[in-house]
Amino acid sequence: MTSIQTLDLEIQVNMTAGRFFNSFKKKEGNFTDKTEAVSVHRDDPKSNSSIQIWNFIVDGKMEQVKEKIEVDEENKSVSFLAIEGDVLEQYKSYKITLDVVPRDGVCVAKWTWEYEKIHDDVPIPTKYIAFVADYTRDLETRLLSES
């Protein structure tokens, strides 16, 4: 019997929390060479949620995920709940939360995964953790080069 499991990843990002968080809040400009396209399908200006489709390369393979994204501006937090896509072939539920925490002029990107495997033989989502770690570094590099 499977149950909801969690994993965490923390990465120091060499910019202010506001600057890093804003790249997610604006829902634009957070592309890297590992993300082919991000499209907003529904964006309600009265709420802080949207539906987005991401095409990305993980382990050398193109994958797609349709996610409901919720932004909590006060806490500098963004959650990504998979509602369709490749990741749901192995997981009943799959959610990533990013908390951007200020720390002495820089910030820490705290990524948390909550997932439930379809069956016990499904591996933990390490390939997605590696992707997010690379994505965070690539985004940091791109944003710093724009300053």
N, C-alpha and C. Protein backbone atom coordinates (compact mmCIF):
# COMPACT_ATOMS: atom_id res chain seq x y z
N MET A 1 0.85 -1.19 0.00
CA MET A 1 0.00 0.00 0.00
C MET A 1 0.88 1.24 0.00
N THR A 2 0.63 2.14 -0.90
CA THR A 2 1.43 3.36 -0.97
C THR A 2 0.77 4.46 -0.14
N SER A 3 1.57 5.43 0.23
CA SER A 3 1.08 6.59 0.97
C SER A 3 1.82 7.82 0.47
N ILE A 4 1.37 8.97 0.91
CA ILE A 4 2.02 10.21 0.48
C ILE A 4 3.39 10.30 1.15
N GLN A 5 4.40 10.55 0.34
CA GLN A 5 5.76 10.68 0.82
C GLN A 5 6.27 12.09 0.50
N THR A 6 7.31 12.51 1.19
CA THR A 6 7.87 13.84 0.95
C THR A 6 9.39 13.76 0.78
N LEU A 7 9.89 14.70 0.01
CA LEU A 7 11.33 14.90 -0.17
C LEU A 7 11.59 16.39 -0.16
N ASP A 8 12.80 16.78 0.25
CA ASP A 8 13.16 18.19 0.33
C ASP A 8 14.49 18.44 -0.37
N LEU A 9 14.62 19.64 -0.90
CA LEU A 9 15.85 20.10 -1.53
C LEU A 9 16.00 21.58 -1.20
N GLU A 10 17.18 21.98 -0.72
CA GLU A 10 17.46 23.39 -0.45
C GLU A 10 18.67 23.81 -1.27
N ILE A 11 18.52 24.97 -1.95
CA ILE A 11 19.60 25.51 -2.77
C ILE A 11 19.73 26.99 -2.47
N GLN A 12 20.95 27.43 -2.14
CA GLN A 12 21.17 28.87 -1.97
C GLN A 12 21.20 29.51 -3.35
N VAL A 13 20.47 30.61 -3.48
CA VAL A 13 20.40 31.36 -4.73
C VAL A 13 20.98 32.75 -4.47
N ASN A 14 21.92 33.16 -5.30
CA ASN A 14 22.68 34.38 -5.05
C ASN A 14 21.99 35.63 -5.58
N MET A 15 20.80 35.86 -5.06
CA MET A 15 20.05 37.09 -5.34
C MET A 15 19.02 37.23 -4.23
N THR A 16 18.36 38.37 -4.20
CA THR A 16 17.37 38.57 -3.15
C THR A 16 16.19 37.63 -3.35
N ALA A 17 15.52 37.34 -2.26
CA ALA A 17 14.35 36.47 -2.31
C ALA A 17 13.28 37.07 -3.22
N GLY A 18 13.09 38.38 -3.13
CA GLY A 18 12.08 39.04 -3.96
C GLY A 18 12.34 38.87 -5.44
N ARG A 19 13.58 39.02 -5.84
CA ARG A 19 13.91 38.91 -7.26
C ARG A 19 13.69 37.49 -7.77
N PHE A 20 14.15 36.50 -7.01
CA PHE A 20 13.98 35.11 -7.44
C PHE A 20 12.49 34.74 -7.44
N PHE A 21 11.78 35.10 -6.39
CA PHE A 21 10.35 34.78 -6.29
C PHE A 21 9.56 35.44 -7.42
N ASN A 22 9.90 36.68 -7.76
CA ASN A 22 9.17 37.40 -8.80
C ASN A 22 9.22 36.71 -10.15
N SER A 23 10.27 35.97 -10.44
CA SER A 23 10.33 35.26 -11.72
C SER A 23 9.24 34.18 -11.79
N PHE A 24 8.80 33.67 -10.64
CA PHE A 24 7.71 32.70 -10.61
C PHE A 24 6.37 33.40 -10.50
N LYS A 25 6.32 34.47 -9.73
CA LYS A 25 5.07 35.20 -9.52
C LYS A 25 4.55 35.77 -10.83
N LYS A 26 5.46 36.28 -11.67
CA LYS A 26 5.04 36.87 -12.94
C LYS A 26 4.63 35.84 -13.97
N LYS A 27 4.97 34.57 -13.70
CA LYS A 27 4.67 33.48 -14.63
C LYS A 27 5.28 33.73 -16.00
N GLU A 28 6.41 34.37 -16.01
CA GLU A 28 7.10 34.63 -17.27
C GLU A 28 8.58 34.75 -16.97
N GLY A 29 9.38 34.48 -17.95
CA GLY A 29 10.80 34.70 -17.79
C GLY A 29 11.52 33.63 -17.00
N ASN A 30 10.82 32.57 -16.59
CA ASN A 30 11.52 31.54 -15.83
C ASN A 30 11.82 30.33 -16.71
N PHE A 31 12.24 30.60 -17.93
CA PHE A 31 12.63 29.56 -18.88
C PHE A 31 14.12 29.30 -18.77
N THR A 32 14.52 28.06 -19.05
CA THR A 32 15.92 27.71 -19.15
C THR A 32 16.07 26.85 -20.39
N ASP A 33 17.29 26.40 -20.68
CA ASP A 33 17.48 25.56 -21.85
C ASP A 33 16.89 24.16 -21.67
N LYS A 34 16.42 23.84 -20.48
CA LYS A 34 15.80 22.53 -20.23
C LYS A 34 14.28 22.60 -20.26
N THR A 35 13.73 23.79 -20.45
CA THR A 35 12.29 23.94 -20.57
C THR A 35 12.00 24.47 -21.97
N GLU A 36 11.31 23.68 -22.76
CA GLU A 36 11.04 24.08 -24.14
C GLU A 36 9.97 25.16 -24.21
N ALA A 37 8.93 25.01 -23.41
CA ALA A 37 7.85 25.99 -23.45
C ALA A 37 7.07 25.94 -22.15
N VAL A 38 6.57 27.06 -21.78
CA VAL A 38 5.65 27.15 -20.66
C VAL A 38 4.49 27.99 -21.16
N SER A 39 3.28 27.47 -21.07
CA SER A 39 2.14 28.25 -21.52
C SER A 39 1.09 28.32 -20.42
N VAL A 40 0.55 29.51 -20.23
CA VAL A 40 -0.51 29.72 -19.25
C VAL A 40 -1.83 29.44 -19.95
N HIS A 41 -2.59 28.51 -19.42
CA HIS A 41 -3.86 28.16 -20.02
C HIS A 41 -5.01 28.96 -19.46
N ARG A 42 -4.97 29.27 -18.20
CA ARG A 42 -6.01 30.07 -17.58
C ARG A 42 -5.34 30.84 -16.48
N ASP A 43 -5.52 32.10 -16.51
CA ASP A 43 -4.92 32.94 -15.47
C ASP A 43 -6.00 33.90 -15.01
N ASP A 44 -6.52 33.67 -13.84
CA ASP A 44 -7.57 34.51 -13.29
C ASP A 44 -6.92 35.68 -12.56
N PRO A 45 -7.08 36.91 -13.09
CA PRO A 45 -6.43 38.05 -12.45
C PRO A 45 -6.93 38.32 -11.03
N LYS A 46 -8.07 37.75 -10.65
CA LYS A 46 -8.59 37.96 -9.30
C LYS A 46 -8.04 36.94 -8.30
N SER A 47 -7.32 35.93 -8.79
CA SER A 47 -6.74 34.96 -7.88
C SER A 47 -5.25 34.81 -8.17
N ASN A 48 -4.57 34.10 -7.31
CA ASN A 48 -3.14 33.87 -7.51
C ASN A 48 -2.89 32.46 -8.02
N SER A 49 -3.83 31.94 -8.82
CA SER A 49 -3.63 30.61 -9.37
C SER A 49 -3.75 30.65 -10.89
N SER A 50 -3.14 29.67 -11.51
CA SER A 50 -3.23 29.53 -12.96
C SER A 50 -3.00 28.07 -13.30
N ILE A 51 -3.30 27.74 -14.53
CA ILE A 51 -3.01 26.42 -15.07
C ILE A 51 -1.94 26.61 -16.13
N GLN A 52 -0.85 25.86 -16.02
CA GLN A 52 0.25 26.00 -16.97
C GLN A 52 0.66 24.63 -17.49
N ILE A 53 1.15 24.63 -18.71
CA ILE A 53 1.73 23.42 -19.29
C ILE A 53 3.22 23.67 -19.47
N TRP A 54 4.02 22.75 -18.94
CA TRP A 54 5.48 22.82 -19.06
C TRP A 54 5.94 21.67 -19.94
N ASN A 55 6.77 21.96 -20.90
CA ASN A 55 7.51 20.95 -21.65
C ASN A 55 8.94 21.05 -21.17
N PHE A 56 9.51 19.94 -20.75
CA PHE A 56 10.85 19.99 -20.18
C PHE A 56 11.60 18.70 -20.49
N ILE A 57 12.90 18.78 -20.42
CA ILE A 57 13.75 17.63 -20.67
C ILE A 57 14.28 17.12 -19.34
N VAL A 58 13.99 15.85 -19.06
CA VAL A 58 14.47 15.21 -17.85
C VAL A 58 15.04 13.85 -18.24
N ASP A 59 16.25 13.58 -17.81
CA ASP A 59 16.95 12.34 -18.19
C ASP A 59 17.02 12.17 -19.70
N GLY A 60 17.18 13.28 -20.42
CA GLY A 60 17.32 13.23 -21.87
C GLY A 60 16.03 13.00 -22.62
N LYS A 61 14.89 12.99 -21.92
CA LYS A 61 13.60 12.73 -22.55
C LYS A 61 12.68 13.94 -22.36
N MET A 62 11.97 14.30 -23.44
CA MET A 62 10.99 15.38 -23.34
C MET A 62 9.76 14.87 -22.59
N GLU A 63 9.36 15.61 -21.57
CA GLU A 63 8.14 15.29 -20.82
C GLU A 63 7.27 16.53 -20.77
N GLN A 64 6.02 16.31 -20.43
CA GLN A 64 5.08 17.42 -20.30
C GLN A 64 4.28 17.22 -19.02
N VAL A 65 3.95 18.33 -18.40
CA VAL A 65 3.08 18.29 -17.23
C VAL A 65 2.16 19.51 -17.28
N LYS A 66 0.91 19.26 -16.97
CA LYS A 66 -0.06 20.34 -16.81
C LYS A 66 -0.25 20.51 -15.32
N GLU A 67 -0.04 21.72 -14.84
CA GLU A 67 -0.05 21.97 -13.40
C GLU A 67 -0.99 23.11 -13.03
N LYS A 68 -1.56 22.96 -11.85
CA LYS A 68 -2.25 24.09 -11.23
C LYS A 68 -1.22 24.75 -10.33
N ILE A 69 -1.03 26.04 -10.54
CA ILE A 69 -0.01 26.77 -9.81
C ILE A 69 -0.69 27.80 -8.91
N GLU A 70 -0.32 27.74 -7.63
CA GLU A 70 -0.84 28.69 -6.64
C GLU A 70 0.32 29.50 -6.10
N VAL A 71 0.15 30.81 -6.07
CA VAL A 71 1.18 31.72 -5.60
C VAL A 71 0.74 32.37 -4.30
N ASP A 72 1.59 32.28 -3.28
CA ASP A 72 1.35 32.93 -1.99
C ASP A 72 2.39 34.04 -1.86
N GLU A 73 1.99 35.25 -2.24
CA GLU A 73 2.94 36.37 -2.26
C GLU A 73 3.47 36.71 -0.88
N GLU A 74 2.61 36.67 0.12
CA GLU A 74 3.02 37.05 1.47
C GLU A 74 4.15 36.16 1.99
N ASN A 75 4.06 34.87 1.72
CA ASN A 75 5.06 33.92 2.21
C ASN A 75 6.11 33.55 1.17
N LYS A 76 6.06 34.20 0.01
CA LYS A 76 6.99 33.90 -1.09
C LYS A 76 7.04 32.39 -1.36
N SER A 77 5.86 31.86 -1.64
CA SER A 77 5.71 30.42 -1.86
C SER A 77 4.91 30.17 -3.13
N VAL A 78 5.29 29.12 -3.86
CA VAL A 78 4.58 28.73 -5.07
C VAL A 78 4.40 27.22 -5.02
N SER A 79 3.17 26.76 -5.27
CA SER A 79 2.95 25.31 -5.32
C SER A 79 2.55 24.93 -6.74
N PHE A 80 3.01 23.75 -7.15
CA PHE A 80 2.79 23.22 -8.49
C PHE A 80 2.15 21.85 -8.32
N LEU A 81 0.86 21.73 -8.61
CA LEU A 81 0.14 20.47 -8.47
C LEU A 81 -0.09 19.88 -9.85
N ALA A 82 0.48 18.70 -10.10
CA ALA A 82 0.30 18.04 -11.40
C ALA A 82 -1.14 17.58 -11.54
N ILE A 83 -1.78 17.96 -12.66
CA ILE A 83 -3.15 17.53 -12.92
C ILE A 83 -3.23 16.66 -14.19
N GLU A 84 -2.20 16.70 -15.02
CA GLU A 84 -2.09 15.84 -16.20
C GLU A 84 -0.61 15.74 -16.55
N GLY A 85 -0.26 14.69 -17.30
CA GLY A 85 1.09 14.62 -17.83
C GLY A 85 1.85 13.37 -17.46
N ASP A 86 3.10 13.33 -17.96
CA ASP A 86 3.96 12.16 -17.82
C ASP A 86 4.17 11.74 -16.37
N VAL A 87 4.33 12.69 -15.48
CA VAL A 87 4.63 12.36 -14.09
C VAL A 87 3.51 11.54 -13.45
N LEU A 88 2.28 11.73 -13.92
CA LEU A 88 1.15 11.01 -13.33
C LEU A 88 1.02 9.58 -13.87
N GLU A 89 1.94 9.17 -14.74
CA GLU A 89 1.98 7.77 -15.16
C GLU A 89 2.56 6.90 -14.03
N GLN A 90 3.32 7.51 -13.12
CA GLN A 90 3.92 6.75 -12.02
C GLN A 90 3.41 7.16 -10.64
N TYR A 91 2.81 8.35 -10.55
CA TYR A 91 2.40 8.86 -9.24
C TYR A 91 0.91 9.21 -9.26
N LYS A 92 0.19 8.78 -8.23
CA LYS A 92 -1.23 9.12 -8.10
C LYS A 92 -1.40 10.62 -7.88
N SER A 93 -0.51 11.16 -7.08
CA SER A 93 -0.52 12.60 -6.82
C SER A 93 0.94 13.08 -6.81
N TYR A 94 1.11 14.31 -7.24
CA TYR A 94 2.47 14.86 -7.35
C TYR A 94 2.38 16.37 -7.20
N LYS A 95 2.99 16.88 -6.15
CA LYS A 95 2.97 18.32 -5.88
C LYS A 95 4.36 18.76 -5.45
N ILE A 96 4.79 19.89 -5.99
CA ILE A 96 6.05 20.50 -5.58
C ILE A 96 5.71 21.88 -5.01
N THR A 97 6.33 22.22 -3.89
CA THR A 97 6.17 23.56 -3.32
C THR A 97 7.54 24.21 -3.23
N LEU A 98 7.61 25.45 -3.69
CA LEU A 98 8.83 26.26 -3.59
C LEU A 98 8.58 27.34 -2.55
N ASP A 99 9.43 27.37 -1.52
CA ASP A 99 9.43 28.46 -0.55
C ASP A 99 10.73 29.21 -0.75
N VAL A 100 10.64 30.51 -0.99
CA VAL A 100 11.83 31.34 -1.19
C VAL A 100 12.07 32.10 0.11
N VAL A 101 13.19 31.77 0.76
CA VAL A 101 13.48 32.28 2.10
C VAL A 101 14.65 33.26 2.05
N PRO A 102 14.43 34.52 2.48
CA PRO A 102 15.52 35.49 2.49
C PRO A 102 16.61 35.07 3.48
N ARG A 103 17.87 35.33 3.10
CA ARG A 103 18.98 35.03 4.00
C ARG A 103 20.16 35.92 3.66
N ASP A 104 20.37 36.97 4.43
CA ASP A 104 21.55 37.85 4.32
C ASP A 104 21.84 38.31 2.89
N GLY A 105 20.85 38.90 2.22
CA GLY A 105 21.06 39.45 0.88
C GLY A 105 20.94 38.44 -0.24
N VAL A 106 20.87 37.18 0.11
CA VAL A 106 20.63 36.13 -0.88
C VAL A 106 19.36 35.41 -0.44
N CYS A 107 19.09 34.25 -0.99
CA CYS A 107 17.92 33.50 -0.54
C CYS A 107 18.18 32.01 -0.65
N VAL A 108 17.30 31.26 -0.04
CA VAL A 108 17.34 29.81 -0.15
C VAL A 108 16.05 29.38 -0.83
N ALA A 109 16.19 28.59 -1.90
CA ALA A 109 15.05 27.99 -2.56
C ALA A 109 14.81 26.64 -1.88
N LYS A 110 13.71 26.55 -1.14
CA LYS A 110 13.35 25.30 -0.45
C LYS A 110 12.25 24.63 -1.27
N TRP A 111 12.63 23.54 -1.92
CA TRP A 111 11.70 22.76 -2.74
C TRP A 111 11.23 21.55 -1.92
N THR A 112 9.94 21.32 -1.88
CA THR A 112 9.38 20.17 -1.18
C THR A 112 8.47 19.40 -2.14
N TRP A 113 8.70 18.10 -2.23
CA TRP A 113 7.87 17.21 -3.04
C TRP A 113 6.93 16.45 -2.13
N GLU A 114 5.67 16.37 -2.53
CA GLU A 114 4.69 15.49 -1.91
C GLU A 114 4.16 14.62 -3.04
N TYR A 115 4.30 13.32 -2.90
CA TYR A 115 3.90 12.44 -3.99
C TYR A 115 3.39 11.12 -3.43
N GLU A 116 2.54 10.48 -4.21
CA GLU A 116 2.05 9.16 -3.86
C GLU A 116 2.27 8.26 -5.07
N LYS A 117 3.00 7.19 -4.88
CA LYS A 117 3.30 6.25 -5.95
C LYS A 117 2.03 5.48 -6.35
N ILE A 118 1.95 5.13 -7.64
CA ILE A 118 0.84 4.30 -8.09
C ILE A 118 0.95 2.90 -7.48
N HIS A 119 2.17 2.39 -7.38
CA HIS A 119 2.41 1.12 -6.70
C HIS A 119 3.80 1.16 -6.06
N ASP A 120 4.08 0.24 -5.19
CA ASP A 120 5.31 0.26 -4.40
C ASP A 120 6.59 0.17 -5.22
N ASP A 121 6.52 -0.39 -6.43
CA ASP A 121 7.71 -0.56 -7.26
C ASP A 121 8.15 0.73 -7.96
N VAL A 122 7.34 1.75 -7.94
CA VAL A 122 7.69 3.02 -8.58
C VAL A 122 8.83 3.67 -7.80
N PRO A 123 9.86 4.15 -8.50
CA PRO A 123 10.98 4.77 -7.79
C PRO A 123 10.60 6.14 -7.21
N ILE A 124 11.38 6.56 -6.21
CA ILE A 124 11.19 7.93 -5.73
C ILE A 124 11.56 8.86 -6.88
N PRO A 125 11.02 10.07 -6.92
CA PRO A 125 11.20 10.93 -8.10
C PRO A 125 12.55 11.65 -8.15
N THR A 126 13.64 10.91 -8.01
CA THR A 126 14.97 11.54 -8.00
C THR A 126 15.29 12.23 -9.31
N LYS A 127 14.80 11.72 -10.44
CA LYS A 127 15.10 12.38 -11.72
C LYS A 127 14.48 13.77 -11.77
N TYR A 128 13.34 13.95 -11.13
CA TYR A 128 12.70 15.27 -11.10
C TYR A 128 13.42 16.19 -10.10
N ILE A 129 13.94 15.62 -9.03
CA ILE A 129 14.70 16.42 -8.07
C ILE A 129 15.97 16.93 -8.73
N ALA A 130 16.65 16.06 -9.47
CA ALA A 130 17.86 16.47 -10.20
C ALA A 130 17.51 17.55 -11.23
N PHE A 131 16.38 17.39 -11.91
CA PHE A 131 15.95 18.39 -12.89
C PHE A 131 15.74 19.74 -12.20
N VAL A 132 15.02 19.75 -11.08
CA VAL A 132 14.72 21.01 -10.38
C VAL A 132 16.00 21.65 -9.85
N ALA A 133 16.95 20.86 -9.38
CA ALA A 133 18.22 21.41 -8.92
C ALA A 133 18.94 22.10 -10.09
N ASP A 134 19.02 21.43 -11.23
CA ASP A 134 19.65 22.04 -12.42
C ASP A 134 18.88 23.26 -12.89
N TYR A 135 17.56 23.14 -12.89
CA TYR A 135 16.69 24.25 -13.32
C TYR A 135 16.91 25.49 -12.44
N THR A 136 16.99 25.27 -11.13
CA THR A 136 17.20 26.39 -10.20
C THR A 136 18.53 27.09 -10.49
N ARG A 137 19.58 26.31 -10.68
CA ARG A 137 20.91 26.88 -11.00
C ARG A 137 20.89 27.61 -12.34
N ASP A 138 20.26 27.00 -13.36
CA ASP A 138 20.19 27.64 -14.68
C ASP A 138 19.40 28.94 -14.63
N LEU A 139 18.29 28.94 -13.89
CA LEU A 139 17.48 30.14 -13.76
C LEU A 139 18.26 31.22 -13.02
N GLU A 140 18.95 30.85 -11.95
CA GLU A 140 19.77 31.80 -11.21
C GLU A 140 20.81 32.44 -12.14
N THR A 141 21.50 31.63 -12.92
CA THR A 141 22.52 32.14 -13.84
C THR A 141 21.92 33.11 -14.85
N ARG A 142 20.77 32.73 -15.41
CA ARG A 142 20.13 33.59 -16.41
C ARG A 142 19.67 34.90 -15.80
N LEU A 143 19.05 34.85 -14.63
CA LEU A 143 18.58 36.08 -13.98
C LEU A 143 19.74 36.99 -13.59
N LEU A 144 20.83 36.42 -13.11
CA LEU A 144 22.01 37.22 -12.74
C LEU A 144 22.65 37.86 -13.96
N SER A 145 22.59 37.19 -15.10
CA SER A 145 23.19 37.75 -16.31
C SER A 145 22.37 38.92 -16.86
N GLU A 146 21.12 39.03 -16.44
CA GLU A 146 20.26 40.13 -16.89
C GLU A 146 20.42 41.40 -16.07
N SER A 147 21.18 41.34 -14.98
CA SER A 147 21.29 42.53 -14.13
C SER A 147 22.24 43.56 -14.65
